[in-house]
Amino acid sequence: MWQDVNDRYLLLILRECWTVCIS
């Protein structure tokens, strides 16, 4: 359960970092 939440949060952070890097 916790792992799933952690993975989702990690994905969200990664996506934001990716967008910032591209900009």
Protein backbone atom coordinates (compact mmCIF):
# COMPACT_ATOMS: atom_id res chain seq x y z
CA MET A 1 0.00 0.00 0.00
CA TRP A 2 2.64 2.52 1.03
CA GLN A 3 4.81 1.49 -1.88
CA ASP A 4 2.04 2.32 -4.32
CA VAL A 5 1.55 5.79 -2.84
CA ASN A 6 5.30 6.38 -2.85
CA ASP A 7 5.56 5.36 -6.50
CA ARG A 8 2.77 7.70 -7.47
CA TYR A 9 4.33 10.58 -5.60
CA LEU A 10 7.70 9.85 -7.17
CA LEU A 11 6.13 9.85 -10.61
CA LEU A 12 4.51 13.22 -9.93
CA ILE A 13 7.79 14.75 -8.81
CA LEU A 14 9.62 13.27 -11.78
CA ARG A 15 7.04 14.69 -14.15
CA GLU A 16 7.36 18.16 -12.64
CA CYS A 17 11.15 18.02 -12.79
CA TRP A 18 10.94 16.90 -16.41
CA THR A 19 8.69 19.83 -17.33
CA VAL A 20 11.00 22.29 -15.60
CA CYS A 21 14.04 20.79 -17.32
CA ILE A 22 12.40 21.07 -20.75
CA SER A 23 11.29 24.65 -20.22
